[in-house]
PDB file of N, CA and C in Angstrom:
ATOM      1  N   MET A   1     -16.365 -57.073  92.457  1.00  0.00           N
ATOM      2  CA  MET A   1     -17.815 -57.165  92.553  1.00  0.00           C
ATOM      3  C   MET A   1     -18.351 -55.809  92.973  1.00  0.00           C
ATOM      4  N   ASN A   2     -19.427 -55.398  92.341  1.00  0.00           N
ATOM      5  CA  ASN A   2     -20.073 -54.133  92.591  1.00  0.00           C
ATOM      6  C   ASN A   2     -21.452 -54.415  93.166  1.00  0.00           C
ATOM      7  N   ALA A   3     -21.676 -54.097  94.436  1.00  0.00           N
ATOM      8  CA  ALA A   3     -22.966 -54.372  95.071  1.00  0.00           C
ATOM      9  C   ALA A   3     -23.622 -53.061  95.485  1.00  0.00           C
ATOM     10  N   VAL A   4     -24.914 -52.924  95.157  1.00  0.00           N
ATOM     11  CA  VAL A   4     -25.683 -51.739  95.543  1.00  0.00           C
ATOM     12  C   VAL A   4     -27.045 -52.170  96.047  1.00  0.00           C
ATOM     13  N   GLU A   5     -27.665 -51.287  96.814  1.00  0.00           N
ATOM     14  CA  GLU A   5     -29.035 -51.527  97.263  1.00  0.00           C
ATOM     15  C   GLU A   5     -29.964 -50.641  96.457  1.00  0.00           C
ATOM     16  N   PHE A   6     -31.111 -51.182  96.097  1.00  0.00           N
ATOM     17  CA  PHE A   6     -32.142 -50.413  95.413  1.00  0.00           C
ATOM     18  C   PHE A   6     -33.364 -50.403  96.311  1.00  0.00           C
ATOM     19  N   ILE A   7     -33.806 -49.214  96.695  1.00  0.00           N
ATOM     20  CA  ILE A   7     -34.953 -49.092  97.599  1.00  0.00           C
ATOM     21  C   ILE A   7     -36.229 -48.957  96.776  1.00  0.00           C
ATOM     22  N   LEU A   8     -37.158 -49.874  96.999  1.00  0.00           N
ATOM     23  CA  LEU A   8     -38.447 -49.845  96.303  1.00  0.00           C
ATOM     24  C   LEU A   8     -39.290 -48.670  96.780  1.00  0.00           C
ATOM     25  N   ARG A   9     -40.063 -48.109  95.876  1.00  0.00           N
ATOM     26  CA  ARG A   9     -41.025 -47.065  96.247  1.00  0.00           C
ATOM     27  C   ARG A   9     -42.408 -47.664  96.463  1.00  0.00           C
ATOM     28  N   GLY A  10     -42.654 -48.803  95.852  1.00  0.00           N
ATOM     29  CA  GLY A  10     -43.922 -49.503  95.996  1.00  0.00           C
ATOM     30  C   GLY A  10     -43.647 -50.914  96.459  1.00  0.00           C
ATOM     31  N   ASP A  11     -44.501 -51.856  96.051  1.00  0.00           N
ATOM     32  CA  ASP A  11     -44.295 -53.244  96.475  1.00  0.00           C
ATOM     33  C   ASP A  11     -43.454 -54.051  95.503  1.00  0.00           C
ATOM     34  N   HIS A  12     -43.247 -53.531  94.266  1.00  0.00           N
ATOM     35  CA  HIS A  12     -42.414 -54.250  93.294  1.00  0.00           C
ATOM     36  C   HIS A  12     -41.896 -53.299  92.218  1.00  0.00           C
ATOM     37  N   ILE A  13     -40.944 -53.801  91.422  1.00  0.00           N
ATOM     38  CA  ILE A  13     -40.438 -53.119  90.234  1.00  0.00           C
ATOM     39  C   ILE A  13     -40.169 -54.206  89.202  1.00  0.00           C
ATOM     40  N   THR A  14     -40.375 -53.886  87.930  1.00  0.00           N
ATOM     41  CA  THR A  14     -40.096 -54.888  86.906  1.00  0.00           C
ATOM     42  C   THR A  14     -38.590 -54.951  86.650  1.00  0.00           C
ATOM     43  N   LEU A  15     -38.153 -56.087  86.145  1.00  0.00           N
ATOM     44  CA  LEU A  15     -36.734 -56.319  85.919  1.00  0.00           C
ATOM     45  C   LEU A  15     -36.134 -55.303  84.960  1.00  0.00           C
ATOM     46  N   ASP A  16     -36.795 -55.029  83.852  1.00  0.00           N
ATOM     47  CA  ASP A  16     -36.235 -54.071  82.902  1.00  0.00           C
ATOM     48  C   ASP A  16     -36.168 -52.663  83.492  1.00  0.00           C
ATOM     49  N   ALA A  17     -37.164 -52.276  84.275  1.00  0.00           N
ATOM     50  CA  ALA A  17     -37.148 -50.958  84.912  1.00  0.00           C
ATOM     51  C   ALA A  17     -36.019 -50.857  85.937  1.00  0.00           C
ATOM     52  N   LEU A  18     -35.743 -51.941  86.651  1.00  0.00           N
ATOM     53  CA  LEU A  18     -34.648 -51.945  87.627  1.00  0.00           C
ATOM     54  C   LEU A  18     -33.305 -51.763  86.934  1.00  0.00           C
ATOM     55  N   LEU A  19     -33.112 -52.454  85.830  1.00  0.00           N
ATOM     56  CA  LEU A  19     -31.850 -52.326  85.094  1.00  0.00           C
ATOM     57  C   LEU A  19     -31.639 -50.902  84.603  1.00  0.00           C
ATOM     58  N   LYS A  20     -32.706 -50.261  84.141  1.00  0.00           N
ATOM     59  CA  LYS A  20     -32.601 -48.874  83.694  1.00  0.00           C
ATOM     60  C   LYS A  20     -32.383 -47.937  84.877  1.00  0.00           C
ATOM     61  N   ALA A  21     -33.096 -48.138  85.966  1.00  0.00           N
ATOM     62  CA  ALA A  21     -33.002 -47.255  87.134  1.00  0.00           C
ATOM     63  C   ALA A  21     -31.628 -47.301  87.793  1.00  0.00           C
ATOM     64  N   THR A  22     -30.957 -48.433  87.712  1.00  0.00           N
ATOM     65  CA  THR A  22     -29.639 -48.565  88.330  1.00  0.00           C
ATOM     66  C   THR A  22     -28.502 -48.250  87.367  1.00  0.00           C
ATOM     67  N   GLY A  23     -28.821 -47.967  86.110  1.00  0.00           N
ATOM     68  CA  GLY A  23     -27.797 -47.605  85.139  1.00  0.00           C
ATOM     69  C   GLY A  23     -27.104 -48.783  84.478  1.00  0.00           C
ATOM     70  N   LEU A  24     -27.554 -49.995  84.751  1.00  0.00           N
ATOM     71  CA  LEU A  24     -26.951 -51.165  84.103  1.00  0.00           C
ATOM     72  C   LEU A  24     -27.401 -51.300  82.655  1.00  0.00           C
ATOM     73  N   ALA A  25     -28.530 -50.668  82.333  1.00  0.00           N
ATOM     74  CA  ALA A  25     -29.005 -50.612  80.952  1.00  0.00           C
ATOM     75  C   ALA A  25     -29.339 -49.149  80.664  1.00  0.00           C
ATOM     76  N   HIS A  26     -28.910 -48.656  79.508  1.00  0.00           N
ATOM     77  CA  HIS A  26     -29.118 -47.255  79.170  1.00  0.00           C
ATOM     78  C   HIS A  26     -30.472 -46.987  78.530  1.00  0.00           C
ATOM     79  N   SER A  27     -31.149 -48.053  78.107  1.00  0.00           N
ATOM     80  CA  SER A  27     -32.453 -47.903  77.472  1.00  0.00           C
ATOM     81  C   SER A  27     -33.251 -49.187  77.649  1.00  0.00           C
ATOM     82  N   GLY A  28     -34.514 -49.131  77.291  1.00  0.00           N
ATOM     83  CA  GLY A  28     -35.346 -50.320  77.355  1.00  0.00           C
ATOM     84  C   GLY A  28     -34.846 -51.407  76.423  1.00  0.00           C
ATOM     85  N   GLY A  29     -34.366 -51.001  75.253  1.00  0.00           N
ATOM     86  CA  GLY A  29     -33.834 -51.967  74.293  1.00  0.00           C
ATOM     87  C   GLY A  29     -32.580 -52.650  74.809  1.00  0.00           C
ATOM     88  N   SER A  30     -31.755 -51.886  75.477  1.00  0.00           N
ATOM     89  CA  SER A  30     -30.534 -52.439  76.070  1.00  0.00           C
ATOM     90  C   SER A  30     -30.879 -53.440  77.170  1.00  0.00           C
ATOM     91  N   ALA A  31     -31.858 -53.086  78.006  1.00  0.00           N
ATOM     92  CA  ALA A  31     -32.298 -53.989  79.069  1.00  0.00           C
ATOM     93  C   ALA A  31     -32.870 -55.273  78.470  1.00  0.00           C
ATOM     94  N   LYS A  32     -33.685 -55.119  77.436  1.00  0.00           N
ATOM     95  CA  LYS A  32     -34.285 -56.275  76.771  1.00  0.00           C
ATOM     96  C   LYS A  32     -33.207 -57.208  76.218  1.00  0.00           C
ATOM     97  N   GLY A  33     -32.170 -56.637  75.624  1.00  0.00           N
ATOM     98  CA  GLY A  33     -31.076 -57.432  75.067  1.00  0.00           C
ATOM     99  C   GLY A  33     -30.315 -58.202  76.138  1.00  0.00           C
ATOM    100  N   LEU A  34     -29.999 -57.550  77.254  1.00  0.00           N
ATOM    101  CA  LEU A  34     -29.303 -58.224  78.358  1.00  0.00           C
ATOM    102  C   LEU A  34     -30.127 -59.396  78.882  1.00  0.00           C
ATOM    103  N   ILE A  35     -31.421 -59.138  79.059  1.00  0.00           N
ATOM    104  CA  ILE A  35     -32.304 -60.166  79.615  1.00  0.00           C
ATOM    105  C   ILE A  35     -32.457 -61.327  78.634  1.00  0.00           C
ATOM    106  N   ALA A  36     -32.695 -61.015  77.363  1.00  0.00           N
ATOM    107  CA  ALA A  36     -32.886 -62.060  76.350  1.00  0.00           C
ATOM    108  C   ALA A  36     -31.639 -62.920  76.173  1.00  0.00           C
ATOM    109  N   ALA A  37     -30.467 -62.329  76.369  1.00  0.00           N
ATOM    110  CA  ALA A  37     -29.213 -63.069  76.208  1.00  0.00           C
ATOM    111  C   ALA A  37     -28.925 -63.992  77.392  1.00  0.00           C
ATOM    112  N   GLY A  38     -29.718 -63.888  78.450  1.00  0.00           N
ATOM    113  CA  GLY A  38     -29.509 -64.732  79.622  1.00  0.00           C
ATOM    114  C   GLY A  38     -28.413 -64.210  80.537  1.00  0.00           C
ATOM    115  N   ASP A  39     -28.068 -62.921  80.378  1.00  0.00           N
ATOM    116  CA  ASP A  39     -26.999 -62.316  81.173  1.00  0.00           C
ATOM    117  C   ASP A  39     -27.457 -61.815  82.537  1.00  0.00           C
ATOM    118  N   VAL A  40     -28.752 -61.902  82.804  1.00  0.00           N
ATOM    119  CA  VAL A  40     -29.302 -61.382  84.049  1.00  0.00           C
ATOM    120  C   VAL A  40     -29.767 -62.541  84.935  1.00  0.00           C
ATOM    121  N   LEU A  41     -29.311 -62.532  86.180  1.00  0.00           N
ATOM    122  CA  LEU A  41     -29.710 -63.550  87.148  1.00  0.00           C
ATOM    123  C   LEU A  41     -30.570 -62.918  88.224  1.00  0.00           C
ATOM    124  N   VAL A  42     -31.627 -63.618  88.613  1.00  0.00           N
ATOM    125  CA  VAL A  42     -32.459 -63.209  89.748  1.00  0.00           C
ATOM    126  C   VAL A  42     -32.356 -64.325  90.774  1.00  0.00           C
ATOM    127  N   ASP A  43     -31.832 -63.990  91.930  1.00  0.00           N
ATOM    128  CA  ASP A  43     -31.610 -64.975  92.994  1.00  0.00           C
ATOM    129  C   ASP A  43     -30.812 -66.183  92.488  1.00  0.00           C
ATOM    130  N   GLY A  44     -29.820 -65.900  91.627  1.00  0.00           N
ATOM    131  CA  GLY A  44     -28.921 -66.943  91.144  1.00  0.00           C
ATOM    132  C   GLY A  44     -29.417 -67.741  89.948  1.00  0.00           C
ATOM    133  N   GLN A  45     -30.617 -67.450  89.459  1.00  0.00           N
ATOM    134  CA  GLN A  45     -31.184 -68.169  88.318  1.00  0.00           C
ATOM    135  C   GLN A  45     -31.332 -67.230  87.130  1.00  0.00           C
ATOM    136  N   ALA A  46     -30.977 -67.706  85.935  1.00  0.00           N
ATOM    137  CA  ALA A  46     -31.136 -66.887  84.730  1.00  0.00           C
ATOM    138  C   ALA A  46     -32.607 -66.530  84.554  1.00  0.00           C
ATOM    139  N   GLU A  47     -32.862 -65.271  84.236  1.00  0.00           N
ATOM    140  CA  GLU A  47     -34.238 -64.798  84.049  1.00  0.00           C
ATOM    141  C   GLU A  47     -34.364 -64.171  82.672  1.00  0.00           C
ATOM    142  N   THR A  48     -35.368 -64.601  81.903  1.00  0.00           N
ATOM    143  CA  THR A  48     -35.558 -64.087  80.548  1.00  0.00           C
ATOM    144  C   THR A  48     -36.852 -63.299  80.390  1.00  0.00           C
ATOM    145  N   ARG A  49     -37.567 -63.063  81.477  1.00  0.00           N
ATOM    146  CA  ARG A  49     -38.803 -62.275  81.410  1.00  0.00           C
ATOM    147  C   ARG A  49     -38.507 -60.848  81.858  1.00  0.00           C
ATOM    148  N   ARG A  50     -38.579 -59.909  80.920  1.00  0.00           N
ATOM    149  CA  ARG A  50     -38.249 -58.529  81.276  1.00  0.00           C
ATOM    150  C   ARG A  50     -39.291 -57.904  82.182  1.00  0.00           C
ATOM    151  N   GLY A  51     -40.490 -58.421  82.198  1.00  0.00           N
ATOM    152  CA  GLY A  51     -41.556 -57.914  83.061  1.00  0.00           C
ATOM    153  C   GLY A  51     -41.605 -58.595  84.416  1.00  0.00           C
ATOM    154  N   ARG A  52     -40.617 -59.408  84.727  1.00  0.00           N
ATOM    155  CA  ARG A  52     -40.561 -60.107  86.013  1.00  0.00           C
ATOM    156  C   ARG A  52     -40.672 -59.102  87.153  1.00  0.00           C
ATOM    157  N   LYS A  53     -41.610 -59.325  88.061  1.00  0.00           N
ATOM    158  CA  LYS A  53     -41.795 -58.430  89.198  1.00  0.00           C
ATOM    159  C   LYS A  53     -40.807 -58.806  90.298  1.00  0.00           C
ATOM    160  N   LEU A  54     -40.035 -57.820  90.721  1.00  0.00           N
ATOM    161  CA  LEU A  54     -39.048 -58.023  91.777  1.00  0.00           C
ATOM    162  C   LEU A  54     -39.556 -57.386  93.061  1.00  0.00           C
ATOM    163  N   ARG A  55     -39.362 -58.097  94.155  1.00  0.00           N
ATOM    164  CA  ARG A  55     -39.824 -57.617  95.454  1.00  0.00           C
ATOM    165  C   ARG A  55     -38.646 -57.555  96.430  1.00  0.00           C
ATOM    166  N   ALA A  56     -38.880 -56.928  97.557  1.00  0.00           N
ATOM    167  CA  ALA A  56     -37.832 -56.782  98.573  1.00  0.00           C
ATOM    168  C   ALA A  56     -37.239 -58.144  98.920  1.00  0.00           C
ATOM    169  N   GLY A  57     -35.917 -58.174  99.072  1.00  0.00           N
ATOM    170  CA  GLY A  57     -35.211 -59.397  99.437  1.00  0.00           C
ATOM    171  C   GLY A  57     -34.583 -60.124  98.266  1.00  0.00           C
ATOM    172  N   GLN A  58     -34.945 -59.754  97.050  1.00  0.00           N
ATOM    173  CA  GLN A  58     -34.379 -60.430  95.892  1.00  0.00           C
ATOM    174  C   GLN A  58     -33.073 -59.761  95.461  1.00  0.00           C
ATOM    175  N   VAL A  59     -32.203 -60.550  94.817  1.00  0.00           N
ATOM    176  CA  VAL A  59     -30.909 -60.065  94.337  1.00  0.00           C
ATOM    177  C   VAL A  59     -30.837 -60.278  92.832  1.00  0.00           C
ATOM    178  N   VAL A  60     -30.481 -59.212  92.124  1.00  0.00           N
ATOM    179  CA  VAL A  60     -30.328 -59.261  90.672  1.00  0.00           C
ATOM    180  C   VAL A  60     -28.839 -59.103  90.359  1.00  0.00           C
ATOM    181  N   SER A  61     -28.317 -59.973  89.496  1.00  0.00           N
ATOM    182  CA  SER A  61     -26.901 -59.934  89.138  1.00  0.00           C
ATOM    183  C   SER A  61     -26.744 -59.815  87.628  1.00  0.00           C
ATOM    184  N   VAL A  62     -25.835 -58.922  87.236  1.00  0.00           N
ATOM    185  CA  VAL A  62     -25.452 -58.766  85.829  1.00  0.00           C
ATOM    186  C   VAL A  62     -23.935 -58.684  85.834  1.00  0.00           C
ATOM    187  N   GLY A  63     -23.284 -59.762  85.420  1.00  0.00           N
ATOM    188  CA  GLY A  63     -21.823 -59.805  85.465  1.00  0.00           C
ATOM    189  C   GLY A  63     -21.345 -59.593  86.898  1.00  0.00           C
ATOM    190  N   PRO A  64     -20.430 -58.642  87.111  1.00  0.00           N
ATOM    191  CA  PRO A  64     -19.899 -58.416  88.456  1.00  0.00           C
ATOM    192  C   PRO A  64     -20.790 -57.514  89.316  1.00  0.00           C
ATOM    193  N   HIS A  65     -21.922 -57.066  88.763  1.00  0.00           N
ATOM    194  CA  HIS A  65     -22.802 -56.146  89.477  1.00  0.00           C
ATOM    195  C   HIS A  65     -23.939 -56.913  90.172  1.00  0.00           C
ATOM    196  N   HIS A  66     -24.175 -56.576  91.426  1.00  0.00           N
ATOM    197  CA  HIS A  66     -25.254 -57.191  92.195  1.00  0.00           C
ATOM    198  C   HIS A  66     -26.128 -56.102  92.797  1.00  0.00           C
ATOM    199  N   ILE A  67     -27.441 -56.253  92.638  1.00  0.00           N
ATOM    200  CA  ILE A  67     -28.391 -55.290  93.166  1.00  0.00           C
ATOM    201  C   ILE A  67     -29.277 -55.994  94.178  1.00  0.00           C
ATOM    202  N   GLN A  68     -29.252 -55.517  95.405  1.00  0.00           N
ATOM    203  CA  GLN A  68     -30.117 -56.041  96.462  1.00  0.00           C
ATOM    204  C   GLN A  68     -31.359 -55.157  96.490  1.00  0.00           C
ATOM    205  N   VAL A  69     -32.533 -55.749  96.259  1.00  0.00           N
ATOM    206  CA  VAL A  69     -33.778 -55.010  96.296  1.00  0.00           C
ATOM    207  C   VAL A  69     -34.258 -54.971  97.739  1.00  0.00           C
ATOM    208  N   VAL A  70     -34.471 -53.758  98.261  1.00  0.00           N
ATOM    209  CA  VAL A  70     -34.911 -53.600  99.646  1.00  0.00           C
ATOM    210  C   VAL A  70     -36.223 -52.826  99.681  1.00  0.00           C
ATOM    211  N   GLY A  71     -36.983 -53.061 100.733  1.00  0.00           N
ATOM    212  CA  GLY A  71     -38.268 -52.397 100.900  1.00  0.00           C
ATOM    213  C   GLY A  71     -38.123 -50.948 101.327  1.00  0.00           C
ATOM    214  N   PRO A  72     -39.211 -50.199 101.226  1.00  0.00           N
ATOM    215  CA  PRO A  72     -39.178 -48.779 101.597  1.00  0.00           C
ATOM    216  C   PRO A  72     -38.962 -48.578 103.087  1.00  0.00           C
TER     217      PRO A  72
END
């Protein structure tokens, strides 16, 4: 399992932007594909909205990778 923390600069980040910022997706199209396939979990639930706003305290999982979103 690969766990990392992502520090927000504002009050939220969209799901597709988080995937790109952490390197789990190399492009917007790649992020869109992962999300559409149901491979991305937010707080343990499959998420298919690439514009989903993520806030501090939420956990995003893609396979063995887990991203903890933390506040500034």
